[in-house]
Amino acid sequence: MTFVILHTINWLSVIVYSSWCIDASFLGFFKNMVNGHGPVCHALMMVAYNAQSNIYTLLGTAGIAAGVSWISEKIFAQGEQRDV
């Protein structure tokens, strides 16, 4: 559920950022370089970046937790035939 929430926050902020803050014309390319972006656009990009970063952290942590759980189950299995 956390993955879905983080992905939704990332997706929404990127969509809003691209529609409000990016001028997709040839001249817009140069205007964006010169003018930069306002605080709202900067906040949207930071929200998207942090949500995506948290997704990668969540996936890595879940993988490590699954590995530790699997190893612990194999080591501490009591009264069962182990496949080692």
Protein backbone atom coordinates (compact mmCIF):
# COMPACT_ATOMS: atom_id res chain seq x y z
CA MET A 1 0.00 0.00 0.00
CA THR A 2 2.87 2.36 0.77
CA PHE A 3 4.30 1.73 -2.70
CA VAL A 4 1.00 2.67 -4.33
CA ILE A 5 0.70 5.86 -2.27
CA LEU A 6 4.28 6.94 -3.03
CA HIS A 7 3.86 6.14 -6.71
CA THR A 8 0.61 8.13 -6.85
CA ILE A 9 2.23 11.15 -5.18
CA ASN A 10 5.17 10.96 -7.59
CA TRP A 11 2.94 10.57 -10.64
CA LEU A 12 0.58 13.41 -9.68
CA SER A 13 3.37 15.87 -8.90
CA VAL A 14 5.16 15.08 -12.17
CA ILE A 15 1.94 15.52 -14.17
CA VAL A 16 1.15 18.85 -12.47
CA TYR A 17 4.77 19.98 -12.86
CA SER A 18 4.81 19.17 -16.56
CA SER A 19 1.53 20.96 -17.23
CA TRP A 20 2.20 24.09 -15.11
CA CYS A 21 5.96 24.58 -15.22
CA ILE A 22 7.32 23.33 -18.53
CA ASP A 23 7.02 25.30 -21.72
CA ALA A 24 7.45 22.60 -24.36
CA SER A 25 8.21 24.91 -27.26
CA PHE A 26 11.56 25.67 -28.85
CA LEU A 27 11.68 29.11 -27.24
CA GLY A 28 10.41 27.63 -23.97
CA PHE A 29 13.57 25.52 -23.79
CA PHE A 30 15.65 28.69 -23.56
CA LYS A 31 13.16 30.59 -21.36
CA ASN A 32 13.24 27.76 -18.82
CA MET A 33 17.04 27.92 -18.71
CA VAL A 34 17.13 31.68 -18.18
CA ASN A 35 14.12 32.19 -15.92
CA GLY A 36 14.39 29.09 -13.81
CA HIS A 37 11.29 28.08 -11.92
CA GLY A 38 9.24 29.59 -9.14
CA PRO A 39 8.78 28.17 -5.66
CA VAL A 40 5.64 26.18 -6.59
CA CYS A 41 7.42 24.44 -9.45
CA HIS A 42 10.44 23.79 -7.26
CA ALA A 43 8.22 22.30 -4.54
CA LEU A 44 6.46 20.04 -7.04
CA MET A 45 9.78 18.75 -8.35
CA MET A 46 11.11 18.15 -4.83
CA VAL A 47 7.95 16.23 -3.88
CA ALA A 48 8.32 14.05 -6.98
CA TYR A 49 12.02 13.47 -6.33
CA ASN A 50 11.53 12.55 -2.67
CA ALA A 51 8.60 10.24 -3.42
CA GLN A 52 10.69 8.41 -6.03
CA SER A 53 13.65 8.20 -3.67
CA ASN A 54 11.41 6.74 -0.97
CA ILE A 55 10.11 4.14 -3.43
CA TYR A 56 13.66 2.92 -4.06
CA THR A 57 14.38 2.88 -0.33
CA LEU A 58 11.17 0.95 0.33
CA LEU A 59 11.96 -1.67 -2.32
CA GLY A 60 15.52 -2.14 -1.10
CA THR A 61 14.46 -2.42 2.52
CA ALA A 62 11.72 -4.92 1.64
CA GLY A 63 14.22 -7.04 -0.28
CA ILE A 64 16.68 -7.06 2.61
CA ALA A 65 13.92 -7.87 5.11
CA ALA A 66 12.70 -10.76 2.95
CA GLY A 67 16.24 -12.12 2.68
CA VAL A 68 16.88 -11.91 6.42
CA SER A 69 13.52 -13.53 7.13
CA TRP A 70 14.23 -16.37 4.70
CA ILE A 71 17.72 -16.98 6.15
CA SER A 72 16.39 -16.87 9.72
CA GLU A 73 13.66 -19.33 8.87
CA LYS A 74 16.19 -21.75 7.37
CA ILE A 75 18.57 -21.43 10.34
CA PHE A 76 16.07 -21.57 13.17
CA ALA A 77 13.63 -24.16 11.80
CA GLN A 78 12.94 -26.45 14.75
CA GLY A 79 11.78 -30.01 14.36
CA GLU A 80 11.56 -29.82 10.58
CA GLN A 81 13.66 -31.36 7.86
CA ARG A 82 15.90 -28.62 6.47
CA ASP A 83 16.82 -28.39 2.80
CA VAL A 84 20.42 -27.35 3.33
